[in-house]
């Protein structure tokens, strides 16, 4: 009887934490820094992540995540019935919730689930939905990853420049890597990955003709080029790879979990500031990161194995979807030759 009581007490004292995850690939990868922090601070904690269905393959590669719960609401959709039903299904299952997005709707499920302790940054009139509201000081939390990790700390904890943000690290499936090489006829040449897409908009995209010029040079030097992205990037992949031997346009031909394994198989990648850049960082591949309208100070690849290419022109970062001046010099003045030199360096 005594042993049973001790077991019941241990179960009750094991923190059960629900994290409401973000809606973008890169942000979801960066959220792993929070999951790692929670596991370090609360050994034995059980972490569930409420996230869009598309992100579950990424969460499955994070050993810190014990349960991934799909919230299948379209981007921008309120989805009241879906949120209500998911909230009801989670009643009594978690002691604490951490809400990473700052929207009102993102805080609904933990409230409807009756989770006692609900943490998030103040925003969009969430005063009833959250009962542990934190002020977002953008001078202290000047990076997305810092904002995520800070929500895993205690409310009264002093946070300064020493905030530790562990690097994400996704699991890689070596057997699936080998299978993909065969299924996609990728050959045995050492591969350089290219990610020409950026979901946010064209102001973050290096010119496609630059990617193609660089691809031709790399192939002439004995590399293969793998262009990776989603279905929306397929046309861009054609511009880069069409007619080039050893160039493979894989955009839209692989699942997100496959992209994890393929990026891990690349020697290096050349990438815009995009979600797949953060995936590449989390599998340890060397990164040539191209920044234009965004800033490497705000969303850097979380790795020590990256070269950052950023001109810091007087007009950048503007954080606009399209170049307000119409020239995109912040990216056009990054030459293919300079990236080639960095790859060979």
Foldseek 3Di string as FASTA:
>chain_A
DVVVVVVVVVVVPAAEEEEEFDAFLQRNLLLLLQLVLLCVVRPRHAYEYEYAPQCVLQVVQRPSHPYYHHQHDDVPGLCVVSLLVLLCVCAPPGQEYEYLDQEQSSLSSCQSSVRPAYEYEDHHPNPPSHPHYDHDDCVFQVASSSRSNVRSDDSPDDGHPPDDGDAAATHADVVVLVVCCVVQVLDDWAEEEEEQDAVLADLQGFDLVQLQVLQLVVVVVGHAYEYEEAPVCQVSLCSRAPPDPRYHDCHNVDRPSSLLNNLLRHQEYEYTPHSSLLSNLNHPHAYEYQGFLDDCSHRNRRHPRYDYQWDPPPCHNNPHRADPVNDSCRRHVCGSVNVSVVVVD
